[in-house]
Every structure is written in structure tokens, then in C-alpha cells.
Amino acid sequence: MAFFTVSSSLIGTVFVVRALGELDYRHSPALRVEMDKAWATGPPSAVVADVTGLTFCDSTGVAELILALRQSRTLGIRLALVGVHGTLERILAITGLRPSFEVFGSVEEALQEA
């Protein structure tokens, strides 16, 4: 069975969501629940999605990230991705979605921009 966990924390006014493991059709709803917490938090000045710990991401995982991007734009809240690599990096590049996201190498870098 595939492993996936998602957690979140508030660092100052920035909501940070951390995803670990395989983000696929079975686990995408858990990411959505955590991202929904971000939009409902106060609202935050920015949301940082740390995907450094992802070992796999399929099209439903990418769809959740696109949904989060749309929500951030609708609400006027900055969304940043941290640690994009592997399958996710290839999917974003192939689909031309990479420029749509702000991408940083670390949470610290993303927080500096918040």
C-alpha cells in the first residue's frame, strides 16, 4: 500500500502544507482537506506547499495543485511550491504549467518572499 501523509502549520502569517509520499488518486482528497484549511485560516498572507517529500505524483495530484492555484488566485493569496522534483517536475514541464507556479528550493526561501 502506498504511503502518504500531509500536515500543516502556521509560520507567522504563512500557512505551510507539507506532503510526503505518493500523491495519487487515493491520497489527493487528504491534500485538498489540508489546503482547504489554508484558505479558511484568517486568511494567510501566503500558502506554501512543500512537496519535497513526495516520492510520486500522478495527474490527480497535479489537478489538486491546479485547484489550489485557482483558489489562491480567486482569493488573492500567494501560493508557492517548494521542492518540486521527480514526476511532478516532469509533469509540470511537459504540460507547460511550470511557469504558472512560484517554485522555491526551500520553505525558508519561500518564507523570505512572503
C-alpha atoms as a PDB file:
ATOM      1  CA  MET A   1       0.000   0.000   0.000  1.00  0.00           C
ATOM      2  CA  ALA A   2       1.229   3.495  -0.900  1.00  0.00           C
ATOM      3  CA  PHE A   3       2.298   5.826   1.884  1.00  0.00           C
ATOM      4  CA  PHE A   4       1.095   9.430   2.115  1.00  0.00           C
ATOM      5  CA  THR A   5       0.862  11.982   4.886  1.00  0.00           C
ATOM      6  CA  VAL A   6       0.018  15.645   4.839  1.00  0.00           C
ATOM      7  CA  SER A   7       0.358  18.158   7.643  1.00  0.00           C
ATOM      8  CA  SER A   8       0.209  21.897   8.043  1.00  0.00           C
ATOM      9  CA  SER A   9       1.384  24.681  10.294  1.00  0.00           C
ATOM     10  CA  LEU A  10       1.149  28.429  10.507  1.00  0.00           C
ATOM     11  CA  ILE A  11       4.504  30.213  10.433  1.00  0.00           C
ATOM     12  CA  GLY A  12       3.754  33.829  11.210  1.00  0.00           C
ATOM     13  CA  THR A  13       1.035  34.650   8.687  1.00  0.00           C
ATOM     14  CA  VAL A  14       2.089  31.982   6.164  1.00  0.00           C
ATOM     15  CA  PHE A  15       0.249  28.649   6.040  1.00  0.00           C
ATOM     16  CA  VAL A  16       2.670  25.807   5.217  1.00  0.00           C
ATOM     17  CA  VAL A  17       1.359  22.465   3.950  1.00  0.00           C
ATOM     18  CA  ARG A  18       3.808  19.536   3.830  1.00  0.00           C
ATOM     19  CA  ALA A  19       3.082  16.467   1.714  1.00  0.00           C
ATOM     20  CA  LEU A  20       5.093  13.237   1.998  1.00  0.00           C
ATOM     21  CA  GLY A  21       4.868  10.025  -0.003  1.00  0.00           C
ATOM     22  CA  GLU A  22       2.721   9.179  -3.014  1.00  0.00           C
ATOM     23  CA  LEU A  23       0.208  11.802  -4.068  1.00  0.00           C
ATOM     24  CA  ASP A  24      -2.244   9.845  -6.205  1.00  0.00           C
ATOM     25  CA  TYR A  25      -5.995   9.417  -6.672  1.00  0.00           C
ATOM     26  CA  ARG A  26      -6.346   7.751  -3.261  1.00  0.00           C
ATOM     27  CA  HIS A  27      -4.499  10.476  -1.393  1.00  0.00           C
ATOM     28  CA  SER A  28      -5.492  13.640  -3.272  1.00  0.00           C
ATOM     29  CA  PRO A  29      -8.575  14.187  -1.060  1.00  0.00           C
ATOM     30  CA  ALA A  30      -6.308  14.428   2.010  1.00  0.00           C
ATOM     31  CA  LEU A  31      -4.293  17.179   0.333  1.00  0.00           C
ATOM     32  CA  ARG A  32      -7.498  19.015  -0.573  1.00  0.00           C
ATOM     33  CA  VAL A  33      -8.680  18.919   3.057  1.00  0.00           C
ATOM     34  CA  GLU A  34      -5.385  20.388   4.245  1.00  0.00           C
ATOM     35  CA  MET A  35      -5.383  23.071   1.530  1.00  0.00           C
ATOM     36  CA  ASP A  36      -8.974  23.982   2.443  1.00  0.00           C
ATOM     37  CA  LYS A  37      -7.711  24.646   5.981  1.00  0.00           C
ATOM     38  CA  ALA A  38      -5.214  27.091   4.485  1.00  0.00           C
ATOM     39  CA  TRP A  39      -7.874  29.123   2.687  1.00  0.00           C
ATOM     40  CA  ALA A  40     -10.014  29.225   5.832  1.00  0.00           C
ATOM     41  CA  THR A  41      -7.169  30.431   8.049  1.00  0.00           C
ATOM     42  CA  GLY A  42      -7.712  34.045   8.668  1.00  0.00           C
ATOM     43  CA  PRO A  43      -6.740  34.426   5.606  1.00  0.00           C
ATOM     44  CA  PRO A  44      -2.981  33.794   5.489  1.00  0.00           C
ATOM     45  CA  SER A  45      -0.648  36.179   3.686  1.00  0.00           C
ATOM     46  CA  ALA A  46       0.576  33.234   1.598  1.00  0.00           C
ATOM     47  CA  VAL A  47       0.345  29.472   1.319  1.00  0.00           C
ATOM     48  CA  VAL A  48       3.455  27.355   0.847  1.00  0.00           C
ATOM     49  CA  ALA A  49       3.013  23.784  -0.374  1.00  0.00           C
ATOM     50  CA  ASP A  50       6.153  21.825   0.487  1.00  0.00           C
ATOM     51  CA  VAL A  51       6.274  18.839  -1.873  1.00  0.00           C
ATOM     52  CA  THR A  52       9.912  17.979  -1.187  1.00  0.00           C
ATOM     53  CA  GLY A  53       8.862  14.694   0.410  1.00  0.00           C
ATOM     54  CA  LEU A  54       6.738  13.482  -2.489  1.00  0.00           C
ATOM     55  CA  THR A  55       8.007  10.247  -3.993  1.00  0.00           C
ATOM     56  CA  PHE A  56       5.318  10.157  -6.696  1.00  0.00           C
ATOM     57  CA  CYS A  57       2.612  12.425  -8.091  1.00  0.00           C
ATOM     58  CA  ASP A  58       0.022  11.424 -10.684  1.00  0.00           C
ATOM     59  CA  SER A  59      -2.430  13.524 -12.674  1.00  0.00           C
ATOM     60  CA  THR A  60      -4.932  13.738  -9.806  1.00  0.00           C
ATOM     61  CA  GLY A  61      -2.212  15.127  -7.561  1.00  0.00           C
ATOM     62  CA  VAL A  62      -1.354  17.722 -10.197  1.00  0.00           C
ATOM     63  CA  ALA A  63      -5.082  18.509 -10.513  1.00  0.00           C
ATOM     64  CA  GLU A  64      -5.179  19.248  -6.765  1.00  0.00           C
ATOM     65  CA  LEU A  65      -2.258  21.647  -7.144  1.00  0.00           C
ATOM     66  CA  ILE A  66      -4.015  23.364 -10.051  1.00  0.00           C
ATOM     67  CA  LEU A  67      -7.170  23.644  -7.951  1.00  0.00           C
ATOM     68  CA  ALA A  68      -5.078  25.206  -5.168  1.00  0.00           C
ATOM     69  CA  LEU A  69      -3.560  27.651  -7.665  1.00  0.00           C
ATOM     70  CA  ARG A  70      -7.002  28.679  -8.891  1.00  0.00           C
ATOM     71  CA  GLN A  71      -8.244  29.097  -5.323  1.00  0.00           C
ATOM     72  CA  SER A  72      -5.220  31.217  -4.408  1.00  0.00           C
ATOM     73  CA  ARG A  73      -5.809  33.486  -7.377  1.00  0.00           C
ATOM     74  CA  THR A  74      -9.522  33.783  -6.614  1.00  0.00           C
ATOM     75  CA  LEU A  75      -8.763  34.763  -3.012  1.00  0.00           C
ATOM     76  CA  GLY A  76      -5.736  36.909  -3.838  1.00  0.00           C
ATOM     77  CA  ILE A  77      -3.438  34.758  -1.687  1.00  0.00           C
ATOM     78  CA  ARG A  78       0.044  33.930  -2.939  1.00  0.00           C
ATOM     79  CA  LEU A  79       0.753  30.195  -3.458  1.00  0.00           C
ATOM     80  CA  ALA A  80       4.295  28.874  -3.604  1.00  0.00           C
ATOM     81  CA  LEU A  81       5.542  25.341  -4.229  1.00  0.00           C
ATOM     82  CA  VAL A  82       8.697  24.126  -2.528  1.00  0.00           C
ATOM     83  CA  GLY A  83      10.907  21.207  -3.544  1.00  0.00           C
ATOM     84  CA  VAL A  84       9.370  20.355  -6.918  1.00  0.00           C
ATOM     85  CA  HIS A  85      11.211  17.326  -8.299  1.00  0.00           C
ATOM     86  CA  GLY A  86      10.789  13.929  -9.954  1.00  0.00           C
ATOM     87  CA  THR A  87       7.451  13.047 -11.516  1.00  0.00           C
ATOM     88  CA  LEU A  88       5.831  16.322 -10.501  1.00  0.00           C
ATOM     89  CA  GLU A  89       8.618  18.362 -12.061  1.00  0.00           C
ATOM     90  CA  ARG A  90       8.335  16.408 -15.326  1.00  0.00           C
ATOM     91  CA  ILE A  91       4.531  16.737 -15.460  1.00  0.00           C
ATOM     92  CA  LEU A  92       4.660  20.494 -14.839  1.00  0.00           C
ATOM     93  CA  ALA A  93       7.338  20.916 -17.509  1.00  0.00           C
ATOM     94  CA  ILE A  94       5.653  18.735 -20.140  1.00  0.00           C
ATOM     95  CA  THR A  95       2.243  20.345 -19.666  1.00  0.00           C
ATOM     96  CA  GLY A  96       3.636  23.875 -19.684  1.00  0.00           C
ATOM     97  CA  LEU A  97       2.284  24.507 -16.179  1.00  0.00           C
ATOM     98  CA  ARG A  98       5.683  25.155 -14.570  1.00  0.00           C
ATOM     99  CA  PRO A  99       5.615  28.956 -15.148  1.00  0.00           C
ATOM    100  CA  SER A 100       2.166  29.149 -13.525  1.00  0.00           C
ATOM    101  CA  PHE A 101       3.621  28.306 -10.117  1.00  0.00           C
ATOM    102  CA  GLU A 102       6.122  30.146  -7.950  1.00  0.00           C
ATOM    103  CA  VAL A 103       8.706  27.479  -7.104  1.00  0.00           C
ATOM    104  CA  PHE A 104      11.366  27.661  -4.400  1.00  0.00           C
ATOM    105  CA  GLY A 105      14.099  25.299  -3.249  1.00  0.00           C
ATOM    106  CA  SER A 106      13.225  25.516   0.439  1.00  0.00           C
ATOM    107  CA  VAL A 107      10.488  26.649   2.783  1.00  0.00           C
ATOM    108  CA  GLU A 108      12.879  29.276   4.145  1.00  0.00           C
ATOM    109  CA  GLU A 109      13.312  30.794   0.673  1.00  0.00           C
ATOM    110  CA  ALA A 110       9.551  30.887   0.155  1.00  0.00           C
ATOM    111  CA  LEU A 111       9.014  32.499   3.563  1.00  0.00           C
ATOM    112  CA  GLN A 112      11.508  35.246   2.714  1.00  0.00           C
ATOM    113  CA  GLU A 113       9.370  36.160  -0.291  1.00  0.00           C
ATOM    114  CA  ALA A 114       6.117  36.179   1.732  1.00  0.00           C
END
